[in-house]
Amino acid sequence: MSFISYYFHWSEDEVLSMEHATRRRWCKEISEINKSLSPAKSKGSEKSITEMYQTKDAYKHM
């Protein structure tokens, strides 16, 4: 949640009111924006926030 709040300056209540799938989609969108603004030196070395959390249990912490 803090990832979304930080980049879009949304309040905690705004982020909490979203469905989990919607929050995940926004995390992916933010990560894609960041990748396009500052590409990695070697292709494939940079991961999005959603790629860092591959297990179902890890998403519970987002």
Protein backbone atom coordinates (compact mmCIF):
# COMPACT_ATOMS: atom_id res chain seq x y z
CA MET A 1 0.00 0.00 0.00
CA SER A 2 2.77 2.42 0.81
CA PHE A 3 4.18 1.84 -2.69
CA ILE A 4 0.97 3.17 -4.28
CA SER A 5 0.54 5.96 -1.71
CA TYR A 6 4.10 7.16 -2.22
CA TYR A 7 3.92 7.41 -6.00
CA PHE A 8 0.36 8.70 -6.39
CA HIS A 9 0.03 10.59 -3.09
CA TRP A 10 -3.19 8.76 -2.28
CA SER A 11 -4.36 8.46 1.30
CA GLU A 12 -4.40 5.18 3.19
CA ASP A 13 -8.21 5.18 3.09
CA GLU A 14 -8.21 5.59 -0.70
CA VAL A 15 -5.80 2.70 -1.18
CA LEU A 16 -7.60 0.47 1.34
CA SER A 17 -10.93 1.05 -0.40
CA MET A 18 -9.58 -0.61 -3.57
CA GLU A 19 -9.97 -4.30 -4.29
CA HIS A 20 -6.76 -6.32 -3.89
CA ALA A 21 -6.58 -6.98 -7.66
CA THR A 22 -6.86 -3.24 -8.33
CA ARG A 23 -4.00 -2.47 -5.95
CA ARG A 24 -1.86 -5.13 -7.67
CA ARG A 25 -2.68 -3.61 -11.07
CA TRP A 26 -1.59 -0.16 -9.85
CA CYS A 27 1.67 -1.62 -8.50
CA LYS A 28 2.32 -3.11 -11.91
CA GLU A 29 1.51 0.18 -13.66
CA ILE A 30 3.82 2.17 -11.35
CA SER A 31 6.62 -0.36 -11.89
CA GLU A 32 6.22 -0.10 -15.66
CA ILE A 33 6.37 3.70 -15.47
CA ASN A 34 9.54 3.49 -13.37
CA LYS A 35 11.13 1.04 -15.81
CA SER A 36 10.42 3.34 -18.75
CA LEU A 37 11.83 6.39 -16.94
CA SER A 38 15.03 4.76 -15.73
CA PRO A 39 15.87 1.66 -17.77
CA ALA A 40 18.25 -0.87 -16.25
CA LYS A 41 21.83 -0.95 -17.51
CA SER A 42 21.49 -4.57 -18.52
CA LYS A 43 18.17 -5.78 -19.84
CA GLY A 44 16.30 -8.03 -17.45
CA SER A 45 18.09 -7.01 -14.26
CA GLU A 46 15.31 -4.76 -13.00
CA LYS A 47 12.19 -6.28 -11.43
CA SER A 48 8.77 -4.79 -10.83
CA ILE A 49 7.25 -4.83 -7.36
CA THR A 50 4.91 -7.62 -8.47
CA GLU A 51 7.82 -9.74 -9.71
CA MET A 52 9.51 -9.48 -6.31
CA TYR A 53 6.56 -11.17 -4.62
CA GLN A 54 6.00 -14.40 -6.51
CA THR A 55 4.16 -16.43 -3.89
CA LYS A 56 0.52 -16.08 -2.92
CA ASP A 57 1.50 -15.60 0.74
CA ALA A 58 3.75 -12.67 -0.14
CA TYR A 59 0.79 -10.75 -1.61
CA LYS A 60 -0.89 -10.77 1.79
CA HIS A 61 1.78 -8.30 2.93
CA MET A 62 1.14 -5.83 0.12
